[in-house]
Amino acid sequence: MEAASPAGPGAPQPQRQGAAGRVAGLLRRVKGKVFTWNILKTIALGQMLSLCICGTAITSQYLAEKYKVNTPMLQSFINYCLLFLIYTVMLAFQSGSDNLLYILKKKWWKYILLGLADVEANYLIVRAYQYTTLTSVQLLDCFGIPVLMALSWFILYARYRVIHFIAVAVCLLGVGTMVGADILAGREDNSGSDVLIGDVLVLLGACLYAISNVCEEYIVKKLSRQEFLGMVGLFGTIISGIQLLFMEYKDIASIHWDWKIALLFVAFALCMFCLYSFMPLVIKVTSATSVNLGILTADLYSLFFGLFLFGYKFSGLYILSFTIIMLGFILYCSTPTRTVEPAESSVPPVTTIGIDNLGLKLEENLQETHSAVL
């Protein structure tokens, strides 16, 4: 007869306790990695930017629906003027390499291209609403995130881990849930005159946004926040002012100004100015990709405000979408990206001493070969 097990019926208990301990240890590690002060601060800053974007969307929609005012370039022009008056003037009083004239002398053409990309990105996204649906804009605008990641890989030498790609996929799933909620609520019915043109405008605007954000991250981390904002304010004012004269002068002339319309313009300009002023601060402590993932919730804030201002229909999918986007954003921030230095050439630099030594060595080898032949 076999001997009975000394543990008896309680044998599985240590295994259950060991499994529970491992799960508890895993949860503690996840909590320590995710719920940190830096991540919480990043979430708070990202949602502050989302609220600024929400403010620009609400004021623009209120101007369009209530007062029939569609002047996106005028609204951007006011913002660039504020940036010019604050940050460009600050650069003018700086000394050394931070001075406005010194920067213009060295890098004027680069900042012209940056200002053009920033101005046209704002204009193309707003103009796309006249041609395509809200659903298409929300979906295609996310195209800028993979473009931004690719540009960061090649220009900023950012290196991503698997969890970053999973986090981006989760955020995009949240956007898809939001679009589904829009479809169920009937908000996709405001299709424009030519959907294809609108979709192309959104894609172009998303790519230009990605270019502008990558340049912003490089300038903010390598140079200074004041330089970025000052030069964008300078060239943004010039470019948007010229475009304003050619494209929106009739729309501006037809506005029946009163204090309510003026107040909406002021509110839009202040929200946009706060967005431009605070975004470099957030990018400096995180990255452009992280910021763009965080501000995906801006559309949801606009929808929540639209429940009271524009009579939108509520759907539980909006809450689910917000939760999914925030989950993806936290996953992305939980693991920092790596930055590698550009690979240096393995070929040693050619100097005069090196060439002379090489010639002497060849001469010695030829003499040895000649003696051996003899």
Protein backbone atom coordinates (compact mmCIF):
# COMPACT_ATOMS: atom_id res chain seq x y z
CA MET A 1 0.00 0.00 0.00
CA GLU A 2 1.31 3.46 -0.94
CA ALA A 3 1.96 5.97 1.79
CA ALA A 4 -0.49 8.84 2.07
CA SER A 5 0.67 12.29 1.06
CA PRO A 6 1.77 14.27 4.10
CA ALA A 7 0.18 17.43 2.74
CA GLY A 8 -3.22 15.86 2.40
CA PRO A 9 -6.08 17.95 1.02
CA GLY A 10 -4.23 21.20 1.63
CA ALA A 11 -1.56 20.51 -1.00
CA PRO A 12 -2.89 22.94 -3.69
CA GLN A 13 -3.04 25.82 -1.20
CA PRO A 14 0.65 26.86 -1.48
CA GLN A 15 0.30 26.90 -5.27
CA ARG A 16 -2.76 29.14 -5.04
CA GLN A 17 -0.97 31.43 -2.64
CA GLY A 18 2.08 31.54 -4.92
CA ALA A 19 -0.06 32.45 -7.95
CA ALA A 20 -1.87 35.12 -5.96
CA GLY A 21 1.46 36.52 -4.80
CA ARG A 22 2.77 36.71 -8.34
CA VAL A 23 -0.38 38.49 -9.50
CA ALA A 24 -0.18 40.91 -6.59
CA GLY A 25 3.49 41.56 -7.34
CA LEU A 26 2.67 42.19 -11.00
CA LEU A 27 -0.10 44.63 -10.05
CA ARG A 28 2.28 46.48 -7.73
CA ARG A 29 4.87 46.79 -10.49
CA VAL A 30 2.25 48.02 -12.95
CA LYS A 31 0.94 50.52 -10.41
CA GLY A 32 4.44 51.75 -9.66
CA LYS A 33 5.21 52.12 -13.35
CA VAL A 34 1.94 53.67 -14.54
CA PHE A 35 0.66 55.79 -11.66
CA THR A 36 3.72 57.96 -11.24
CA TRP A 37 3.88 61.71 -10.75
CA ASN A 38 5.42 62.27 -14.20
CA ILE A 39 2.68 60.33 -15.98
CA LEU A 40 -0.07 62.04 -13.99
CA LYS A 41 1.49 65.42 -14.78
CA THR A 42 1.70 64.50 -18.48
CA ILE A 43 -1.96 63.45 -18.50
CA ALA A 44 -3.02 66.70 -16.84
CA LEU A 45 -0.99 68.83 -19.27
CA GLY A 46 -2.32 66.89 -22.27
CA GLN A 47 -5.91 67.37 -21.16
CA MET A 48 -5.26 71.08 -20.65
CA LEU A 49 -4.20 71.27 -24.30
CA SER A 50 -7.31 69.30 -25.27
CA LEU A 51 -9.49 71.85 -23.50
CA CYS A 52 -7.75 74.67 -25.42
CA ILE A 53 -8.48 72.87 -28.71
CA CYS A 54 -12.04 72.28 -27.53
CA GLY A 55 -12.38 76.03 -26.94
CA THR A 56 -11.26 76.82 -30.48
CA ALA A 57 -13.67 74.24 -31.92
CA ILE A 58 -16.66 75.46 -29.91
CA THR A 59 -16.10 79.15 -30.73
CA SER A 60 -15.56 78.38 -34.42
CA GLN A 61 -18.71 76.27 -34.60
CA TYR A 62 -20.70 78.89 -32.74
CA LEU A 63 -19.54 81.57 -35.19
CA ALA A 64 -20.44 79.36 -38.16
CA GLU A 65 -23.84 78.11 -36.99
CA LYS A 66 -25.13 81.08 -35.01
CA TYR A 67 -23.72 84.01 -36.98
CA LYS A 68 -22.77 82.40 -40.35
CA VAL A 69 -19.15 83.56 -40.01
CA ASN A 70 -16.59 81.30 -41.73
CA THR A 71 -13.21 83.03 -41.55
CA PRO A 72 -10.60 80.47 -40.41
CA MET A 73 -7.70 82.49 -41.75
CA LEU A 74 -8.78 85.63 -39.90
CA GLN A 75 -9.00 83.65 -36.67
CA SER A 76 -5.51 82.21 -37.20
CA PHE A 77 -4.19 85.65 -38.16
CA ILE A 78 -5.26 87.09 -34.80
CA ASN A 79 -3.46 84.26 -32.99
CA TYR A 80 -0.24 84.79 -34.97
CA CYS A 81 -0.43 88.50 -34.24
CA LEU A 82 -0.59 87.76 -30.51
CA LEU A 83 2.44 85.47 -30.81
CA PHE A 84 4.26 88.21 -32.72
CA LEU A 85 3.47 90.88 -30.15
CA ILE A 86 4.62 88.72 -27.24
CA TYR A 87 7.36 86.36 -28.35
CA THR A 88 8.81 88.02 -31.45
CA VAL A 89 9.19 91.28 -29.53
CA MET A 90 10.91 89.30 -26.75
CA LEU A 91 13.41 87.96 -29.30
CA ALA A 92 14.08 91.49 -30.52
CA PHE A 93 15.37 92.45 -27.06
CA GLN A 94 17.52 89.33 -26.62
CA SER A 95 21.27 89.44 -27.12
CA GLY A 96 23.76 87.15 -28.81
CA SER A 97 22.55 84.10 -30.73
CA ASP A 98 19.02 84.50 -29.30
CA ASN A 99 18.55 87.89 -30.95
CA LEU A 100 15.89 88.21 -33.65
CA LEU A 101 18.23 89.66 -36.27
CA TYR A 102 20.84 86.97 -35.65
CA ILE A 103 18.23 84.21 -36.05
CA LEU A 104 16.86 85.78 -39.22
CA LYS A 105 20.34 86.09 -40.67
CA LYS A 106 21.19 82.44 -40.05
CA LYS A 107 17.88 80.56 -40.43
CA TRP A 108 15.30 82.81 -42.08
CA TRP A 109 14.42 80.39 -44.92
CA LYS A 110 13.92 77.48 -42.51
CA TYR A 111 11.43 79.43 -40.45
CA ILE A 112 9.59 80.56 -43.59
CA LEU A 113 8.99 76.90 -44.43
CA LEU A 114 7.96 76.15 -40.85
CA GLY A 115 5.54 79.08 -40.79
CA LEU A 116 4.07 78.02 -44.13
CA ALA A 117 3.54 74.45 -42.89
CA ASP A 118 1.89 75.64 -39.68
CA VAL A 119 -0.41 78.16 -41.35
CA GLU A 120 -1.54 75.81 -44.11
CA ALA A 121 -2.09 72.91 -41.71
CA ASN A 122 -4.55 75.02 -39.71
CA TYR A 123 -6.24 76.27 -42.85
CA LEU A 124 -6.58 72.90 -44.64
CA ILE A 125 -8.18 71.09 -41.71
CA VAL A 126 -10.79 73.82 -41.20
CA ARG A 127 -11.46 74.11 -44.93
CA ALA A 128 -11.96 70.33 -45.21
CA TYR A 129 -15.17 70.54 -43.16
CA GLN A 130 -16.81 72.31 -46.12
CA TYR A 131 -16.21 69.32 -48.40
CA THR A 132 -16.27 66.12 -46.37
CA THR A 133 -17.95 64.69 -43.29
CA LEU A 134 -17.05 65.12 -39.66
CA THR A 135 -16.45 61.36 -39.50
CA SER A 136 -13.88 61.50 -42.29
CA VAL A 137 -12.06 64.41 -40.68
CA GLN A 138 -11.85 62.64 -37.33
CA LEU A 139 -10.55 59.42 -38.87
CA LEU A 140 -8.15 60.82 -41.46
CA ASP A 141 -6.73 63.42 -39.07
CA CYS A 142 -5.22 60.48 -37.13
CA PHE A 143 -3.03 59.81 -40.17
CA GLY A 144 -0.72 62.48 -38.79
CA ILE A 145 0.29 60.25 -35.84
CA PRO A 146 2.10 57.51 -37.86
CA VAL A 147 3.60 60.25 -40.06
CA LEU A 148 4.82 62.01 -36.92
CA MET A 149 6.33 58.80 -35.57
CA ALA A 150 8.12 58.14 -38.86
CA LEU A 151 9.52 61.68 -38.98
CA SER A 152 10.61 61.42 -35.33
CA TRP A 153 12.40 58.15 -36.17
CA PHE A 154 14.43 59.63 -39.03
CA ILE A 155 14.84 63.26 -37.91
CA LEU A 156 14.87 63.11 -34.10
CA TYR A 157 16.31 59.56 -33.94
CA ALA A 158 13.52 58.41 -31.63
CA ARG A 159 13.32 54.65 -31.09
CA TYR A 160 10.04 53.01 -30.10
CA ARG A 161 9.25 49.81 -28.26
CA VAL A 162 6.45 47.35 -28.96
CA ILE A 163 4.32 48.86 -26.20
CA HIS A 164 4.37 52.23 -27.99
CA PHE A 165 2.89 50.76 -31.15
CA ILE A 166 0.28 48.90 -29.07
CA ALA A 167 -0.58 52.15 -27.28
CA VAL A 168 -1.03 54.01 -30.57
CA ALA A 169 -3.28 51.20 -31.83
CA VAL A 170 -5.37 51.45 -28.65
CA CYS A 171 -5.73 55.24 -29.07
CA LEU A 172 -6.82 54.81 -32.69
CA LEU A 173 -9.33 52.20 -31.54
CA GLY A 174 -10.73 54.82 -29.20
CA VAL A 175 -11.05 57.24 -32.11
CA GLY A 176 -12.89 54.54 -34.07
CA THR A 177 -15.27 54.12 -31.14
CA MET A 178 -15.89 57.87 -31.13
CA VAL A 179 -16.64 57.82 -34.85
CA GLY A 180 -19.05 54.94 -34.29
CA ALA A 181 -20.82 57.00 -31.66
CA ASP A 182 -21.06 59.89 -34.14
CA ILE A 183 -22.64 57.61 -36.73
CA LEU A 184 -25.21 56.30 -34.24
CA ALA A 185 -25.96 59.86 -33.15
CA GLY A 186 -26.45 60.97 -36.77
CA ARG A 187 -23.66 63.58 -36.71
CA GLU A 188 -22.08 62.31 -39.94
CA ASP A 189 -24.93 63.55 -42.11
CA ASN A 190 -23.41 66.99 -42.77
CA SER A 191 -21.52 65.80 -45.83
CA GLY A 192 -20.07 68.47 -48.04
CA SER A 193 -20.00 68.99 -51.76
CA ASP A 194 -17.00 66.84 -52.66
CA VAL A 195 -15.89 64.19 -50.20
CA LEU A 196 -12.72 63.27 -52.10
CA ILE A 197 -11.40 66.84 -52.06
CA GLY A 198 -12.14 67.11 -48.36
CA ASP A 199 -10.38 63.84 -47.57
CA VAL A 200 -7.28 64.94 -49.49
CA LEU A 201 -7.28 68.26 -47.62
CA VAL A 202 -7.41 66.42 -44.28
CA LEU A 203 -4.51 64.14 -45.23
CA LEU A 204 -2.40 67.09 -46.39
CA GLY A 205 -3.23 69.04 -43.24
CA ALA A 206 -2.34 66.05 -41.03
CA CYS A 207 1.04 65.67 -42.76
CA LEU A 208 1.78 69.39 -42.38
CA TYR A 209 0.83 69.21 -38.70
CA ALA A 210 3.27 66.31 -38.28
CA ILE A 211 6.06 68.32 -39.93
CA SER A 212 5.30 71.34 -37.77
CA ASN A 213 5.24 69.26 -34.56
CA VAL A 214 8.54 67.52 -35.33
CA CYS A 215 10.19 70.87 -36.03
CA GLU A 216 8.67 72.24 -32.83
CA GLU A 217 10.09 69.36 -30.75
CA TYR A 218 13.54 69.81 -32.29
CA ILE A 219 13.60 73.58 -31.74
CA VAL A 220 12.18 73.43 -28.22
CA LYS A 221 14.62 70.74 -27.05
CA LYS A 222 17.71 71.92 -28.95
CA LEU A 223 17.21 75.69 -29.00
CA SER A 224 14.47 77.47 -27.06
CA ARG A 225 10.71 77.80 -26.74
CA GLN A 226 10.86 81.57 -27.28
CA GLU A 227 12.67 81.13 -30.59
CA PHE A 228 10.03 78.74 -31.92
CA LEU A 229 7.06 80.86 -30.86
CA GLY A 230 8.69 84.12 -31.93
CA MET A 231 9.58 82.93 -35.42
CA VAL A 232 6.22 81.19 -35.94
CA GLY A 233 4.53 84.40 -34.79
CA LEU A 234 6.57 86.49 -37.22
CA PHE A 235 6.23 84.40 -40.37
CA GLY A 236 2.76 83.12 -39.44
CA THR A 237 1.53 86.71 -39.28
CA ILE A 238 3.05 87.56 -42.66
CA ILE A 239 1.85 84.41 -44.47
CA SER A 240 -1.65 84.34 -42.96
CA GLY A 241 -2.03 88.09 -43.54
CA ILE A 242 -1.21 87.75 -47.25
CA GLN A 243 -3.49 84.74 -47.61
CA LEU A 244 -6.21 86.59 -45.72
CA LEU A 245 -6.18 89.49 -48.19
CA PHE A 246 -6.54 87.20 -51.19
CA MET A 247 -9.02 84.62 -49.89
CA GLU A 248 -11.25 86.03 -47.14
CA TYR A 249 -11.59 89.76 -47.68
CA LYS A 250 -15.18 89.35 -48.99
CA ASP A 251 -16.18 87.16 -46.05
CA ILE A 252 -14.74 89.67 -43.60
CA ALA A 253 -16.50 92.57 -45.29
CA SER A 254 -19.86 90.77 -44.99
CA ILE A 255 -19.62 90.27 -41.20
CA HIS A 256 -22.17 92.26 -39.20
CA TRP A 257 -20.01 93.02 -36.21
CA ASP A 258 -21.42 93.24 -32.69
CA TRP A 259 -20.02 92.58 -29.23
CA LYS A 260 -21.00 88.88 -29.26
CA ILE A 261 -19.13 88.15 -32.49
CA ALA A 262 -16.13 90.15 -31.26
CA LEU A 263 -16.20 88.23 -27.97
CA LEU A 264 -16.20 84.89 -29.82
CA PHE A 265 -13.19 86.00 -31.89
CA VAL A 266 -11.37 87.04 -28.71
CA ALA A 267 -12.21 83.71 -27.02
CA PHE A 268 -10.92 81.77 -30.04
CA ALA A 269 -7.70 83.81 -30.15
CA LEU A 270 -7.06 83.33 -26.42
CA CYS A 271 -7.64 79.57 -26.60
CA MET A 272 -5.34 79.27 -29.61
CA PHE A 273 -2.71 81.48 -28.00
CA CYS A 274 -2.74 79.34 -24.84
CA LEU A 275 -2.46 76.21 -26.97
CA TYR A 276 0.59 77.53 -28.83
CA SER A 277 2.18 78.85 -25.63
CA PHE A 278 1.76 75.70 -23.52
CA MET A 279 2.32 73.00 -26.15
CA PRO A 280 6.12 73.59 -26.32
CA LEU A 281 6.29 73.17 -22.55
CA VAL A 282 4.52 69.81 -22.76
CA ILE A 283 6.58 68.67 -25.75
CA LYS A 284 9.79 69.53 -23.93
CA VAL A 285 9.02 67.12 -21.07
CA THR A 286 7.42 64.44 -23.26
CA SER A 287 7.42 64.28 -27.08
CA ALA A 288 5.36 65.48 -30.02
CA THR A 289 3.87 62.00 -30.49
CA SER A 290 2.80 61.82 -26.85
CA VAL A 291 1.15 65.23 -27.08
CA ASN A 292 -0.76 64.29 -30.24
CA LEU A 293 -2.06 61.14 -28.57
CA GLY A 294 -3.16 63.12 -25.53
CA ILE A 295 -5.11 65.71 -27.51
CA LEU A 296 -7.21 63.05 -29.25
CA THR A 297 -9.69 63.63 -26.44
CA ALA A 298 -10.30 67.21 -27.66
CA ASP A 299 -13.11 66.05 -29.97
CA LEU A 300 -14.78 64.32 -27.04
CA TYR A 301 -14.70 67.47 -24.93
CA SER A 302 -16.24 69.33 -27.86
CA LEU A 303 -18.98 66.70 -28.04
CA PHE A 304 -19.71 67.01 -24.32
CA PHE A 305 -20.03 70.79 -24.60
CA GLY A 306 -22.12 70.30 -27.75
CA LEU A 307 -24.69 68.39 -25.71
CA PHE A 308 -25.67 71.69 -24.07
CA LEU A 309 -24.83 74.23 -26.77
CA PHE A 310 -25.85 72.49 -29.99
CA GLY A 311 -28.24 69.77 -28.85
CA TYR A 312 -26.05 66.76 -29.67
CA LYS A 313 -27.35 63.30 -28.77
CA PHE A 314 -25.49 61.54 -25.99
CA SER A 315 -24.12 58.03 -26.40
CA GLY A 316 -22.39 55.80 -23.89
CA LEU A 317 -19.80 55.07 -26.58
CA TYR A 318 -18.38 58.54 -26.00
CA ILE A 319 -17.43 57.57 -22.42
CA LEU A 320 -16.00 54.27 -23.69
CA SER A 321 -14.03 56.13 -26.36
CA PHE A 322 -12.58 58.54 -23.80
CA THR A 323 -11.57 55.63 -21.56
CA ILE A 324 -9.87 53.74 -24.41
CA ILE A 325 -7.95 56.80 -25.58
CA MET A 326 -6.76 57.57 -22.06
CA LEU A 327 -5.72 53.95 -21.58
CA GLY A 328 -3.63 54.05 -24.76
CA PHE A 329 -2.13 57.38 -23.74
CA ILE A 330 -1.12 56.03 -20.32
CA LEU A 331 0.40 52.94 -21.95
CA TYR A 332 2.46 55.13 -24.26
CA CYS A 333 3.72 57.32 -21.42
CA SER A 334 4.49 54.36 -19.14
CA THR A 335 7.62 53.46 -21.13
CA PRO A 336 9.91 56.27 -22.32
CA THR A 337 11.20 56.21 -25.87
CA ARG A 338 14.90 56.00 -26.57
CA THR A 339 16.90 58.53 -28.54
CA VAL A 340 19.96 57.34 -30.40
CA GLU A 341 22.74 59.54 -31.69
CA PRO A 342 23.28 59.63 -35.45
CA ALA A 343 25.82 57.04 -36.52
CA GLU A 344 29.20 58.50 -37.25
CA SER A 345 31.17 57.44 -40.28
CA SER A 346 33.51 54.49 -39.68
CA VAL A 347 36.01 55.82 -42.22
CA PRO A 348 38.82 57.67 -40.43
CA PRO A 349 39.31 61.28 -41.43
CA VAL A 350 41.93 61.82 -44.12
CA THR A 351 44.73 64.14 -43.06
CA THR A 352 47.95 65.27 -44.61
CA ILE A 353 50.00 63.23 -42.14
CA GLY A 354 48.01 60.13 -42.97
CA ILE A 355 48.57 60.53 -46.71
CA ASP A 356 52.32 61.08 -46.20
CA ASN A 357 52.60 57.99 -44.02
CA LEU A 358 50.65 55.98 -46.58
CA GLY A 359 53.07 57.07 -49.32
CA LEU A 360 56.12 56.17 -47.23
CA LYS A 361 54.66 52.76 -46.49
CA LEU A 362 53.99 52.06 -50.17
CA GLU A 363 57.54 53.14 -51.05
CA GLU A 364 59.03 50.77 -48.44
CA ASN A 365 56.90 47.88 -49.72
CA LEU A 366 58.01 48.52 -53.31
CA GLN A 367 61.67 48.56 -52.26
CA GLU A 368 61.28 45.27 -50.36
CA THR A 369 59.53 43.66 -53.32
CA HIS A 370 62.26 44.82 -55.73
CA SER A 371 65.01 43.38 -53.46
CA ALA A 372 63.22 40.05 -53.20
CA VAL A 373 62.94 39.82 -57.00
CA LEU A 374 66.64 40.51 -57.43
